[in-house]
Amino acid sequence: MVQVLLLLLPSLHHHQPLHQTSQYSNSSHKTSLLDYVLDKEFVEELPDDATKEEAANHEKHHYHLIEAYYMNENLKDMFQEQAHTNRFKVMQSILGCKQHENGSVSAHVLKMKG
């Protein structure tokens, strides 16, 4: 996960603290969310004796996970039809490469290579 954030956030790649970079200095919410996600381990269920601060932090982390879920669903919706079309074209070309009866094997191999 840290490697992904290093790719997405160039300021982290330079080993500067996030709050000192000019790119994110005006966005304290993003900074606190990233600090929480990077520093805290996610707990599925809060204990019964959790403080309000722990509950708020848990909610931040949970919100981050939900956002990623919807992003993934949106990407599936955008590219699912394209993937289906590509699979259909590949299967069509595979099935179209059947060797004809009494045909030359070398000619068939050359046809398959393309």
PDB file of N, CA and C in Angstrom:
ATOM      1  N   MET A   1       0.823  -1.180   0.000  1.00  0.00           N
ATOM      2  CA  MET A   1       0.000   0.000   0.000  1.00  0.00           C
ATOM      3  C   MET A   1       0.874   1.253   0.000  1.00  0.00           C
ATOM      4  N   VAL A   2       1.957   1.234   0.726  1.00  0.00           N
ATOM      5  CA  VAL A   2       2.844   2.388   0.782  1.00  0.00           C
ATOM      6  C   VAL A   2       3.453   2.656  -0.586  1.00  0.00           C
ATOM      7  N   GLN A   3       3.783   1.590  -1.321  1.00  0.00           N
ATOM      8  CA  GLN A   3       4.365   1.772  -2.652  1.00  0.00           C
ATOM      9  C   GLN A   3       3.374   2.447  -3.584  1.00  0.00           C
ATOM     10  N   VAL A   4       2.099   2.103  -3.465  1.00  0.00           N
ATOM     11  CA  VAL A   4       1.075   2.732  -4.294  1.00  0.00           C
ATOM     12  C   VAL A   4       0.984   4.214  -3.963  1.00  0.00           C
ATOM     13  N   LEU A   5       1.004   4.540  -2.671  1.00  0.00           N
ATOM     14  CA  LEU A   5       0.942   5.945  -2.287  1.00  0.00           C
ATOM     15  C   LEU A   5       2.175   6.703  -2.747  1.00  0.00           C
ATOM     16  N   LEU A   6       3.329   6.045  -2.767  1.00  0.00           N
ATOM     17  CA  LEU A   6       4.537   6.700  -3.258  1.00  0.00           C
ATOM     18  C   LEU A   6       4.407   7.047  -4.731  1.00  0.00           C
ATOM     19  N   LEU A   7       3.725   6.200  -5.479  1.00  0.00           N
ATOM     20  CA  LEU A   7       3.522   6.489  -6.896  1.00  0.00           C
ATOM     21  C   LEU A   7       2.494   7.587  -7.099  1.00  0.00           C
ATOM     22  N   LEU A   8       1.458   7.598  -6.246  1.00  0.00           N
ATOM     23  CA  LEU A   8       0.381   8.557  -6.422  1.00  0.00           C
ATOM     24  C   LEU A   8       0.710   9.933  -5.863  1.00  0.00           C
ATOM     25  N   LEU A   9       1.513   9.973  -4.825  1.00  0.00           N
ATOM     26  CA  LEU A   9       1.821  11.240  -4.183  1.00  0.00           C
ATOM     27  C   LEU A   9       3.309  11.538  -4.317  1.00  0.00           C
ATOM     28  N   PRO A  10       3.700  12.356  -5.269  1.00  0.00           N
ATOM     29  CA  PRO A  10       5.123  12.615  -5.479  1.00  0.00           C
ATOM     30  C   PRO A  10       5.788  13.231  -4.259  1.00  0.00           C
ATOM     31  N   SER A  11       5.041  13.939  -3.431  1.00  0.00           N
ATOM     32  CA  SER A  11       5.653  14.555  -2.253  1.00  0.00           C
ATOM     33  C   SER A  11       6.147  13.505  -1.273  1.00  0.00           C
ATOM     34  N   LEU A  12       5.504  12.362  -1.197  1.00  0.00           N
ATOM     35  CA  LEU A  12       5.958  11.303  -0.303  1.00  0.00           C
ATOM     36  C   LEU A  12       7.215  10.637  -0.845  1.00  0.00           C
ATOM     37  N   HIS A  13       7.356  10.644  -2.157  1.00  0.00           N
ATOM     38  CA  HIS A  13       8.508   9.996  -2.774  1.00  0.00           C
ATOM     39  C   HIS A  13       9.816  10.695  -2.396  1.00  0.00           C
ATOM     40  N   HIS A  14       9.746  11.988  -2.108  1.00  0.00           N
ATOM     41  CA  HIS A  14      10.944  12.746  -1.760  1.00  0.00           C
ATOM     42  C   HIS A  14      11.227  12.718  -0.266  1.00  0.00           C
ATOM     43  N   HIS A  15      10.527  11.903   0.473  1.00  0.00           N
ATOM     44  CA  HIS A  15      10.704  11.715   1.908  1.00  0.00           C
ATOM     45  C   HIS A  15      10.495  12.998   2.697  1.00  0.00           C
ATOM     46  N   GLN A  16       9.623  13.863   2.225  1.00  0.00           N
ATOM     47  CA  GLN A  16       9.268  15.053   2.968  1.00  0.00           C
ATOM     48  C   GLN A  16       8.001  14.744   3.751  1.00  0.00           C
ATOM     49  N   PRO A  17       7.865  15.284   4.943  1.00  0.00           N
ATOM     50  CA  PRO A  17       6.604  15.111   5.658  1.00  0.00           C
ATOM     51  C   PRO A  17       5.472  15.723   4.850  1.00  0.00           C
ATOM     52  N   LEU A  18       4.336  15.079   4.862  1.00  0.00           N
ATOM     53  CA  LEU A  18       3.217  15.503   4.034  1.00  0.00           C
ATOM     54  C   LEU A  18       2.764  16.917   4.377  1.00  0.00           C
ATOM     55  N   HIS A  19       2.807  17.300   5.649  1.00  0.00           N
ATOM     56  CA  HIS A  19       2.320  18.616   6.043  1.00  0.00           C
ATOM     57  C   HIS A  19       3.267  19.737   5.638  1.00  0.00           C
ATOM     58  N   GLN A  20       4.490  19.438   5.211  1.00  0.00           N
ATOM     59  CA  GLN A  20       5.438  20.469   4.811  1.00  0.00           C
ATOM     60  C   GLN A  20       5.454  20.702   3.304  1.00  0.00           C
ATOM     61  N   THR A  21       4.750  19.919   2.553  1.00  0.00           N
ATOM     62  CA  THR A  21       4.766  20.089   1.100  1.00  0.00           C
ATOM     63  C   THR A  21       3.759  21.149   0.702  1.00  0.00           C
ATOM     64  N   SER A  22       4.107  21.936  -0.289  1.00  0.00           N
ATOM     65  CA  SER A  22       3.219  23.012  -0.717  1.00  0.00           C
ATOM     66  C   SER A  22       1.988  22.469  -1.425  1.00  0.00           C
ATOM     67  N   GLN A  23       2.111  21.311  -2.059  1.00  0.00           N
ATOM     68  CA  GLN A  23       1.004  20.752  -2.833  1.00  0.00           C
ATOM     69  C   GLN A  23      -0.185  20.411  -1.940  1.00  0.00           C
ATOM     70  N   TYR A  24       0.060  19.948  -0.721  1.00  0.00           N
ATOM     71  CA  TYR A  24      -1.016  19.499   0.149  1.00  0.00           C
ATOM     72  C   TYR A  24      -1.163  20.360   1.397  1.00  0.00           C
ATOM     73  N   SER A  25      -0.507  21.523   1.469  1.00  0.00           N
ATOM     74  CA  SER A  25      -0.539  22.317   2.687  1.00  0.00           C
ATOM     75  C   SER A  25      -1.923  22.882   2.969  1.00  0.00           C
ATOM     76  N   ASN A  26      -2.745  23.099   1.965  1.00  0.00           N
ATOM     77  CA  ASN A  26      -4.074  23.658   2.170  1.00  0.00           C
ATOM     78  C   ASN A  26      -5.125  22.594   2.427  1.00  0.00           C
ATOM     79  N   SER A  27      -4.770  21.368   2.390  1.00  0.00           N
ATOM     80  CA  SER A  27      -5.752  20.301   2.529  1.00  0.00           C
ATOM     81  C   SER A  27      -5.477  19.499   3.796  1.00  0.00           C
ATOM     82  N   SER A  28      -5.925  20.021   4.919  1.00  0.00           N
ATOM     83  CA  SER A  28      -5.657  19.340   6.187  1.00  0.00           C
ATOM     84  C   SER A  28      -6.463  18.053   6.308  1.00  0.00           C
ATOM     85  N   HIS A  29      -7.650  17.994   5.673  1.00  0.00           N
ATOM     86  CA  HIS A  29      -8.449  16.769   5.751  1.00  0.00           C
ATOM     87  C   HIS A  29      -7.740  15.609   5.064  1.00  0.00           C
ATOM     88  N   LYS A  30      -7.202  15.854   3.869  1.00  0.00           N
ATOM     89  CA  LYS A  30      -6.476  14.797   3.161  1.00  0.00           C
ATOM     90  C   LYS A  30      -5.253  14.360   3.948  1.00  0.00           C
ATOM     91  N   THR A  31      -4.579  15.326   4.540  1.00  0.00           N
ATOM     92  CA  THR A  31      -3.386  15.013   5.320  1.00  0.00           C
ATOM     93  C   THR A  31      -3.728  14.142   6.511  1.00  0.00           C
ATOM     94  N   SER A  32      -4.775  14.514   7.242  1.00  0.00           N
ATOM     95  CA  SER A  32      -5.135  13.724   8.423  1.00  0.00           C
ATOM     96  C   SER A  32      -5.626  12.342   8.022  1.00  0.00           C
ATOM     97  N   LEU A  33      -6.345  12.251   6.909  1.00  0.00           N
ATOM     98  CA  LEU A  33      -6.811  10.942   6.445  1.00  0.00           C
ATOM     99  C   LEU A  33      -5.638  10.067   6.040  1.00  0.00           C
ATOM    100  N   LEU A  34      -4.690  10.627   5.289  1.00  0.00           N
ATOM    101  CA  LEU A  34      -3.526   9.848   4.879  1.00  0.00           C
ATOM    102  C   LEU A  34      -2.678   9.441   6.071  1.00  0.00           C
ATOM    103  N   ASP A  35      -2.497  10.362   7.022  1.00  0.00           N
ATOM    104  CA  ASP A  35      -1.742  10.015   8.227  1.00  0.00           C
ATOM    105  C   ASP A  35      -2.410   8.867   8.960  1.00  0.00           C
ATOM    106  N   TYR A  36      -3.733   8.930   9.063  1.00  0.00           N
ATOM    107  CA  TYR A  36      -4.444   7.865   9.775  1.00  0.00           C
ATOM    108  C   TYR A  36      -4.320   6.540   9.036  1.00  0.00           C
ATOM    109  N   VAL A  37      -4.526   6.565   7.722  1.00  0.00           N
ATOM    110  CA  VAL A  37      -4.488   5.327   6.934  1.00  0.00           C
ATOM    111  C   VAL A  37      -3.099   4.706   6.964  1.00  0.00           C
ATOM    112  N   LEU A  38      -2.058   5.532   6.923  1.00  0.00           N
ATOM    113  CA  LEU A  38      -0.700   5.004   6.917  1.00  0.00           C
ATOM    114  C   LEU A  38      -0.240   4.537   8.290  1.00  0.00           C
ATOM    115  N   ASP A  39      -0.696   5.207   9.340  1.00  0.00           N
ATOM    116  CA  ASP A  39      -0.168   4.924  10.674  1.00  0.00           C
ATOM    117  C   ASP A  39      -0.982   3.913  11.471  1.00  0.00           C
ATOM    118  N   LYS A  40      -2.251   3.795  11.217  1.00  0.00           N
ATOM    119  CA  LYS A  40      -3.121   2.949  12.043  1.00  0.00           C
ATOM    120  C   LYS A  40      -3.487   1.673  11.303  1.00  0.00           C
ATOM    121  N   GLU A  41      -3.598   0.597  12.044  1.00  0.00           N
ATOM    122  CA  GLU A  41      -4.054  -0.665  11.476  1.00  0.00           C
ATOM    123  C   GLU A  41      -5.576  -0.682  11.523  1.00  0.00           C
ATOM    124  N   PHE A  42      -6.200  -1.136  10.449  1.00  0.00           N
ATOM    125  CA  PHE A  42      -7.658  -1.130  10.390  1.00  0.00           C
ATOM    126  C   PHE A  42      -8.231  -2.261  11.227  1.00  0.00           C
ATOM    127  N   VAL A  43      -9.208  -1.919  12.038  1.00  0.00           N
ATOM    128  CA  VAL A  43      -9.913  -2.888  12.874  1.00  0.00           C
ATOM    129  C   VAL A  43     -11.332  -2.979  12.334  1.00  0.00           C
ATOM    130  N   GLU A  44     -11.784  -4.191  12.018  1.00  0.00           N
ATOM    131  CA  GLU A  44     -13.115  -4.370  11.436  1.00  0.00           C
ATOM    132  C   GLU A  44     -14.220  -3.820  12.338  1.00  0.00           C
ATOM    133  N   GLU A  45     -14.205  -4.212  13.609  1.00  0.00           N
ATOM    134  CA  GLU A  45     -15.242  -3.774  14.536  1.00  0.00           C
ATOM    135  C   GLU A  45     -14.601  -3.053  15.705  1.00  0.00           C
ATOM    136  N   LEU A  46     -15.212  -1.959  16.083  1.00  0.00           N
ATOM    137  CA  LEU A  46     -14.711  -1.216  17.233  1.00  0.00           C
ATOM    138  C   LEU A  46     -15.087  -1.939  18.520  1.00  0.00           C
ATOM    139  N   PRO A  47     -14.227  -1.897  19.524  1.00  0.00           N
ATOM    140  CA  PRO A  47     -14.599  -2.467  20.817  1.00  0.00           C
ATOM    141  C   PRO A  47     -15.698  -1.628  21.460  1.00  0.00           C
ATOM    142  N   ASP A  48     -16.426  -2.215  22.384  1.00  0.00           N
ATOM    143  CA  ASP A  48     -17.533  -1.512  23.038  1.00  0.00           C
ATOM    144  C   ASP A  48     -17.067  -0.296  23.828  1.00  0.00           C
ATOM    145  N   ASP A  49     -15.848  -0.328  24.331  1.00  0.00           N
ATOM    146  CA  ASP A  49     -15.346   0.770  25.150  1.00  0.00           C
ATOM    147  C   ASP A  49     -14.529   1.784  24.343  1.00  0.00           C
ATOM    148  N   ALA A  50     -14.781   1.889  23.046  1.00  0.00           N
ATOM    149  CA  ALA A  50     -14.026   2.808  22.188  1.00  0.00           C
ATOM    150  C   ALA A  50     -14.402   4.254  22.502  1.00  0.00           C
ATOM    151  N   THR A  51     -13.416   5.121  22.454  1.00  0.00           N
ATOM    152  CA  THR A  51     -13.661   6.542  22.699  1.00  0.00           C
ATOM    153  C   THR A  51     -14.245   7.188  21.444  1.00  0.00           C
ATOM    154  N   LYS A  52     -14.719   8.420  21.605  1.00  0.00           N
ATOM    155  CA  LYS A  52     -15.274   9.141  20.456  1.00  0.00           C
ATOM    156  C   LYS A  52     -14.198   9.387  19.401  1.00  0.00           C
ATOM    157  N   GLU A  53     -12.978   9.649  19.857  1.00  0.00           N
ATOM    158  CA  GLU A  53     -11.872   9.879  18.921  1.00  0.00           C
ATOM    159  C   GLU A  53     -11.562   8.609  18.126  1.00  0.00           C
ATOM    160  N   GLU A  54     -11.554   7.465  18.803  1.00  0.00           N
ATOM    161  CA  GLU A  54     -11.311   6.194  18.107  1.00  0.00           C
ATOM    162  C   GLU A  54     -12.425   5.900  17.114  1.00  0.00           C
ATOM    163  N   ALA A  55     -13.666   6.207  17.495  1.00  0.00           N
ATOM    164  CA  ALA A  55     -14.796   5.988  16.591  1.00  0.00           C
ATOM    165  C   ALA A  55     -14.696   6.895  15.366  1.00  0.00           C
ATOM    166  N   ALA A  56     -14.298   8.151  15.583  1.00  0.00           N
ATOM    167  CA  ALA A  56     -14.149   9.081  14.459  1.00  0.00           C
ATOM    168  C   ALA A  56     -13.026   8.631  13.534  1.00  0.00           C
ATOM    169  N   ASN A  57     -11.922   8.182  14.109  1.00  0.00           N
ATOM    170  CA  ASN A  57     -10.811   7.693  13.290  1.00  0.00           C
ATOM    171  C   ASN A  57     -11.197   6.438  12.521  1.00  0.00           C
ATOM    172  N   HIS A  58     -11.958   5.569  13.158  1.00  0.00           N
ATOM    173  CA  HIS A  58     -12.430   4.354  12.484  1.00  0.00           C
ATOM    174  C   HIS A  58     -13.325   4.725  11.311  1.00  0.00           C
ATOM    175  N   GLU A  59     -14.169   5.721  11.512  1.00  0.00           N
ATOM    176  CA  GLU A  59     -15.066   6.165  10.449  1.00  0.00           C
ATOM    177  C   GLU A  59     -14.276   6.738   9.269  1.00  0.00           C
ATOM    178  N   LYS A  60     -13.196   7.479   9.554  1.00  0.00           N
ATOM    179  CA  LYS A  60     -12.340   7.999   8.480  1.00  0.00           C
ATOM    180  C   LYS A  60     -11.784   6.859   7.636  1.00  0.00           C
ATOM    181  N   HIS A  61     -11.279   5.849   8.312  1.00  0.00           N
ATOM    182  CA  HIS A  61     -10.675   4.720   7.613  1.00  0.00           C
ATOM    183  C   HIS A  61     -11.733   3.954   6.825  1.00  0.00           C
ATOM    184  N   HIS A  62     -12.899   3.777   7.423  1.00  0.00           N
ATOM    185  CA  HIS A  62     -13.989   3.064   6.764  1.00  0.00           C
ATOM    186  C   HIS A  62     -14.440   3.829   5.520  1.00  0.00           C
ATOM    187  N   TYR A  63     -14.517   5.149   5.626  1.00  0.00           N
ATOM    188  CA  TYR A  63     -14.896   5.977   4.484  1.00  0.00           C
ATOM    189  C   TYR A  63     -13.895   5.804   3.349  1.00  0.00           C
ATOM    190  N   HIS A  64     -12.628   5.724   3.690  1.00  0.00           N
ATOM    191  CA  HIS A  64     -11.585   5.532   2.682  1.00  0.00           C
ATOM    192  C   HIS A  64     -11.789   4.208   1.944  1.00  0.00           C
ATOM    193  N   LEU A  65     -12.152   3.151   2.665  1.00  0.00           N
ATOM    194  CA  LEU A  65     -12.374   1.848   2.037  1.00  0.00           C
ATOM    195  C   LEU A  65     -13.599   1.870   1.129  1.00  0.00           C
ATOM    196  N   ILE A  66     -14.654   2.538   1.560  1.00  0.00           N
ATOM    197  CA  ILE A  66     -15.868   2.614   0.752  1.00  0.00           C
ATOM    198  C   ILE A  66     -15.589   3.386  -0.535  1.00  0.00           C
ATOM    199  N   GLU A  67     -14.819   4.459  -0.430  1.00  0.00           N
ATOM    200  CA  GLU A  67     -14.470   5.248  -1.612  1.00  0.00           C
ATOM    201  C   GLU A  67     -13.721   4.388  -2.632  1.00  0.00           C
ATOM    202  N   ALA A  68     -12.801   3.561  -2.163  1.00  0.00           N
ATOM    203  CA  ALA A  68     -12.055   2.670  -3.055  1.00  0.00           C
ATOM    204  C   ALA A  68     -12.985   1.640  -3.689  1.00  0.00           C
ATOM    205  N   TYR A  69     -13.967   1.144  -2.920  1.00  0.00           N
ATOM    206  CA  TYR A  69     -14.920   0.171  -3.452  1.00  0.00           C
ATOM    207  C   TYR A  69     -15.713   0.777  -4.610  1.00  0.00           C
ATOM    208  N   TYR A  70     -16.243   1.979  -4.412  1.00  0.00           N
ATOM    209  CA  TYR A  70     -17.030   2.609  -5.468  1.00  0.00           C
ATOM    210  C   TYR A  70     -16.169   2.958  -6.680  1.00  0.00           C
ATOM    211  N   MET A  71     -14.914   3.304  -6.444  1.00  0.00           N
ATOM    212  CA  MET A  71     -14.003   3.576  -7.551  1.00  0.00           C
ATOM    213  C   MET A  71     -13.800   2.311  -8.384  1.00  0.00           C
ATOM    214  N   ASN A  72     -13.625   1.181  -7.709  1.00  0.00           N
ATOM    215  CA  ASN A  72     -13.446  -0.094  -8.397  1.00  0.00           C
ATOM    216  C   ASN A  72     -14.707  -0.470  -9.175  1.00  0.00           C
ATOM    217  N   GLU A  73     -15.870  -0.278  -8.572  1.00  0.00           N
ATOM    218  CA  GLU A  73     -17.124  -0.581  -9.265  1.00  0.00           C
ATOM    219  C   GLU A  73     -17.299   0.310 -10.499  1.00  0.00           C
ATOM    220  N   ASN A  74     -16.939   1.567 -10.380  1.00  0.00           N
ATOM    221  CA  ASN A  74     -17.048   2.488 -11.506  1.00  0.00           C
ATOM    222  C   ASN A  74     -16.125   2.063 -12.646  1.00  0.00           C
ATOM    223  N   LEU A  75     -14.903   1.641 -12.308  1.00  0.00           N
ATOM    224  CA  LEU A  75     -13.974   1.160 -13.336  1.00  0.00           C
ATOM    225  C   LEU A  75     -14.506  -0.090 -14.023  1.00  0.00           C
ATOM    226  N   LYS A  76     -15.113  -0.986 -13.243  1.00  0.00           N
ATOM    227  CA  LYS A  76     -15.710  -2.186 -13.849  1.00  0.00           C
ATOM    228  C   LYS A  76     -16.795  -1.803 -14.836  1.00  0.00           C
ATOM    229  N   ASP A  77     -17.659  -0.860 -14.441  1.00  0.00           N
ATOM    230  CA  ASP A  77     -18.733  -0.428 -15.331  1.00  0.00           C
ATOM    231  C   ASP A  77     -18.189   0.186 -16.615  1.00  0.00           C
ATOM    232  N   MET A  78     -17.100   0.941 -16.497  1.00  0.00           N
ATOM    233  CA  MET A  78     -16.546   1.613 -17.670  1.00  0.00           C
ATOM    234  C   MET A  78     -15.882   0.640 -18.641  1.00  0.00           C
ATOM    235  N   PHE A  79     -15.211  -0.393 -18.125  1.00  0.00           N
ATOM    236  CA  PHE A  79     -14.387  -1.234 -18.994  1.00  0.00           C
ATOM    237  C   PHE A  79     -14.903  -2.650 -19.185  1.00  0.00           C
ATOM    238  N   GLN A  80     -15.997  -3.021 -18.539  1.00  0.00           N
ATOM    239  CA  GLN A  80     -16.495  -4.385 -18.645  1.00  0.00           C
ATOM    240  C   GLN A  80     -16.949  -4.704 -20.072  1.00  0.00           C
ATOM    241  N   GLU A  81     -17.636  -3.784 -20.706  1.00  0.00           N
ATOM    242  CA  GLU A  81     -18.108  -4.012 -22.076  1.00  0.00           C
ATOM    243  C   GLU A  81     -16.932  -4.139 -23.040  1.00  0.00           C
ATOM    244  N   GLN A  82     -15.917  -3.313 -22.854  1.00  0.00           N
ATOM    245  CA  GLN A  82     -14.728  -3.374 -23.706  1.00  0.00           C
ATOM    246  C   GLN A  82     -14.020  -4.719 -23.540  1.00  0.00           C
ATOM    247  N   ALA A  83     -13.912  -5.207 -22.308  1.00  0.00           N
ATOM    248  CA  ALA A  83     -13.266  -6.496 -22.066  1.00  0.00           C
ATOM    249  C   ALA A  83     -14.072  -7.623 -22.701  1.00  0.00           C
ATOM    250  N   HIS A  84     -15.397  -7.533 -22.617  1.00  0.00           N
ATOM    251  CA  HIS A  84     -16.256  -8.553 -23.235  1.00  0.00           C
ATOM    252  C   HIS A  84     -16.054  -8.562 -24.749  1.00  0.00           C
ATOM    253  N   THR A  85     -15.986  -7.393 -25.353  1.00  0.00           N
ATOM    254  CA  THR A  85     -15.776  -7.293 -26.801  1.00  0.00           C
ATOM    255  C   THR A  85     -14.423  -7.874 -27.195  1.00  0.00           C
ATOM    256  N   ASN A  86     -13.392  -7.577 -26.410  1.00  0.00           N
ATOM    257  CA  ASN A  86     -12.058  -8.116 -26.708  1.00  0.00           C
ATOM    258  C   ASN A  86     -12.030  -9.634 -26.594  1.00  0.00           C
ATOM    259  N   ARG A  87     -12.682 -10.182 -25.561  1.00  0.00           N
ATOM    260  CA  ARG A  87     -12.740 -11.648 -25.424  1.00  0.00           C
ATOM    261  C   ARG A  87     -13.459 -12.274 -26.611  1.00  0.00           C
ATOM    262  N   PHE A  88     -14.541 -11.635 -27.066  1.00  0.00           N
ATOM    263  CA  PHE A  88     -15.290 -12.150 -28.207  1.00  0.00           C
ATOM    264  C   PHE A  88     -14.417 -12.166 -29.463  1.00  0.00           C
ATOM    265  N   LYS A  89     -13.661 -11.091 -29.693  1.00  0.00           N
ATOM    266  CA  LYS A  89     -12.797 -11.025 -30.874  1.00  0.00           C
ATOM    267  C   LYS A  89     -11.698 -12.081 -30.824  1.00  0.00           C
ATOM    268  N   VAL A  90     -11.121 -12.301 -29.648  1.00  0.00           N
ATOM    269  CA  VAL A  90     -10.071 -13.313 -29.512  1.00  0.00           C
ATOM    270  C   VAL A  90     -10.637 -14.699 -29.776  1.00  0.00           C
ATOM    271  N   MET A  91     -11.796 -15.005 -29.196  1.00  0.00           N
ATOM    272  CA  MET A  91     -12.406 -16.322 -29.420  1.00  0.00           C
ATOM    273  C   MET A  91     -12.780 -16.502 -30.891  1.00  0.00           C
ATOM    274  N   GLN A  92     -13.255 -15.445 -31.506  1.00  0.00           N
ATOM    275  CA  GLN A  92     -13.613 -15.517 -32.921  1.00  0.00           C
ATOM    276  C   GLN A  92     -12.381 -15.817 -33.773  1.00  0.00           C
ATOM    277  N   SER A  93     -11.262 -15.189 -33.473  1.00  0.00           N
ATOM    278  CA  SER A  93     -10.051 -15.440 -34.258  1.00  0.00           C
ATOM    279  C   SER A  93      -9.487 -16.829 -33.975  1.00  0.00           C
ATOM    280  N   ILE A  94      -9.604 -17.314 -32.741  1.00  0.00           N
ATOM    281  CA  ILE A  94      -9.133 -18.674 -32.424  1.00  0.00           C
ATOM    282  C   ILE A  94      -9.967 -19.706 -33.166  1.00  0.00           C
ATOM    283  N   LEU A  95     -11.278 -19.533 -33.132  1.00  0.00           N
ATOM    284  CA  LEU A  95     -12.147 -20.492 -33.817  1.00  0.00           C
ATOM    285  C   LEU A  95     -12.015 -20.394 -35.335  1.00  0.00           C
ATOM    286  N   GLY A  96     -11.598 -19.239 -35.841  1.00  0.00           N
ATOM    287  CA  GLY A  96     -11.404 -19.073 -37.277  1.00  0.00           C
ATOM    288  C   GLY A  96     -10.101 -19.671 -37.778  1.00  0.00           C
ATOM    289  N   CYS A  97      -9.258 -20.149 -36.894  1.00  0.00           N
ATOM    290  CA  CYS A  97      -7.960 -20.706 -37.285  1.00  0.00           C
ATOM    291  C   CYS A  97      -7.968 -22.228 -37.324  1.00  0.00           C
ATOM    292  N   LYS A  98      -9.119 -22.821 -37.587  1.00  0.00           N
ATOM    293  CA  LYS A  98      -9.160 -24.285 -37.695  1.00  0.00           C
ATOM    294  C   LYS A  98      -8.500 -24.707 -39.006  1.00  0.00           C
ATOM    295  N   GLN A  99      -7.793 -25.797 -38.928  1.00  0.00           N
ATOM    296  CA  GLN A  99      -7.132 -26.308 -40.126  1.00  0.00           C
ATOM    297  C   GLN A  99      -8.172 -26.994 -41.010  1.00  0.00           C
ATOM    298  N   HIS A 100      -8.114 -26.717 -42.294  1.00  0.00           N
ATOM    299  CA  HIS A 100      -9.033 -27.341 -43.239  1.00  0.00           C
ATOM    300  C   HIS A 100      -8.619 -28.788 -43.473  1.00  0.00           C
ATOM    301  N   GLU A 101      -9.612 -29.618 -43.770  1.00  0.00           N
ATOM    302  CA  GLU A 101      -9.308 -31.027 -44.051  1.00  0.00           C
ATOM    303  C   GLU A 101      -8.405 -31.118 -45.272  1.00  0.00           C
ATOM    304  N   ASN A 102      -7.438 -32.023 -45.194  1.00  0.00           N
ATOM    305  CA  ASN A 102      -6.463 -32.262 -46.255  1.00  0.00           C
ATOM    306  C   ASN A 102      -5.645 -31.004 -46.584  1.00  0.00           C
ATOM    307  N   GLY A 103      -5.601 -30.054 -45.659  1.00  0.00           N
ATOM    308  CA  GLY A 103      -4.824 -28.834 -45.882  1.00  0.00           C
ATOM    309  C   GLY A 103      -3.391 -29.004 -45.409  1.00  0.00           C
ATOM    310  N   SER A 104      -2.540 -28.151 -45.864  1.00  0.00           N
ATOM    311  CA  SER A 104      -1.133 -28.187 -45.505  1.00  0.00           C
ATOM    312  C   SER A 104      -0.945 -27.660 -44.073  1.00  0.00           C
ATOM    313  N   VAL A 105      -0.179 -28.415 -43.289  1.00  0.00           N
ATOM    314  CA  VAL A 105       0.082 -28.010 -41.907  1.00  0.00           C
ATOM    315  C   VAL A 105       0.922 -26.736 -41.885  1.00  0.00           C
ATOM    316  N   SER A 106       1.908 -26.656 -42.749  1.00  0.00           N
ATOM    317  CA  SER A 106       2.766 -25.466 -42.753  1.00  0.00           C
ATOM    318  C   SER A 106       1.972 -24.215 -43.138  1.00  0.00           C
ATOM    319  N   ALA A 107       1.063 -24.341 -44.077  1.00  0.00           N
ATOM    320  CA  ALA A 107       0.230 -23.199 -44.459  1.00  0.00           C
ATOM    321  C   ALA A 107      -0.674 -22.786 -43.296  1.00  0.00           C
ATOM    322  N   HIS A 108      -1.165 -23.777 -42.555  1.00  0.00           N
ATOM    323  CA  HIS A 108      -2.020 -23.496 -41.403  1.00  0.00           C
ATOM    324  C   HIS A 108      -1.231 -22.771 -40.307  1.00  0.00           C
ATOM    325  N   VAL A 109      -0.009 -23.222 -40.044  1.00  0.00           N
ATOM    326  CA  VAL A 109       0.825 -22.590 -39.018  1.00  0.00           C
ATOM    327  C   VAL A 109       1.142 -21.152 -39.416  1.00  0.00           C
ATOM    328  N   LEU A 110       1.457 -20.936 -40.680  1.00  0.00           N
ATOM    329  CA  LEU A 110       1.730 -19.576 -41.148  1.00  0.00           C
ATOM    330  C   LEU A 110       0.496 -18.681 -41.013  1.00  0.00           C
ATOM    331  N   LYS A 111      -0.675 -19.242 -41.263  1.00  0.00           N
ATOM    332  CA  LYS A 111      -1.919 -18.489 -41.119  1.00  0.00           C
ATOM    333  C   LYS A 111      -2.149 -18.123 -39.656  1.00  0.00           C
ATOM    334  N   MET A 112      -1.857 -19.057 -38.748  1.00  0.00           N
ATOM    335  CA  MET A 112      -2.060 -18.797 -37.322  1.00  0.00           C
ATOM    336  C   MET A 112      -1.082 -17.748 -36.801  1.00  0.00           C
ATOM    337  N   LYS A 113       0.134 -17.742 -37.308  1.00  0.00           N
ATOM    338  CA  LYS A 113       1.121 -16.757 -36.865  1.00  0.00           C
ATOM    339  C   LYS A 113       0.729 -15.356 -37.306  1.00  0.00           C
ATOM    340  N   GLY A 114      -0.013 -15.289 -38.354  1.00  0.00           N
ATOM    341  CA  GLY A 114      -0.570 -14.051 -38.700  1.00  0.00           C
ATOM    342  C   GLY A 114      -0.120 -13.199 -39.745  1.00  0.00           C
TER     343      GLY A 114
END
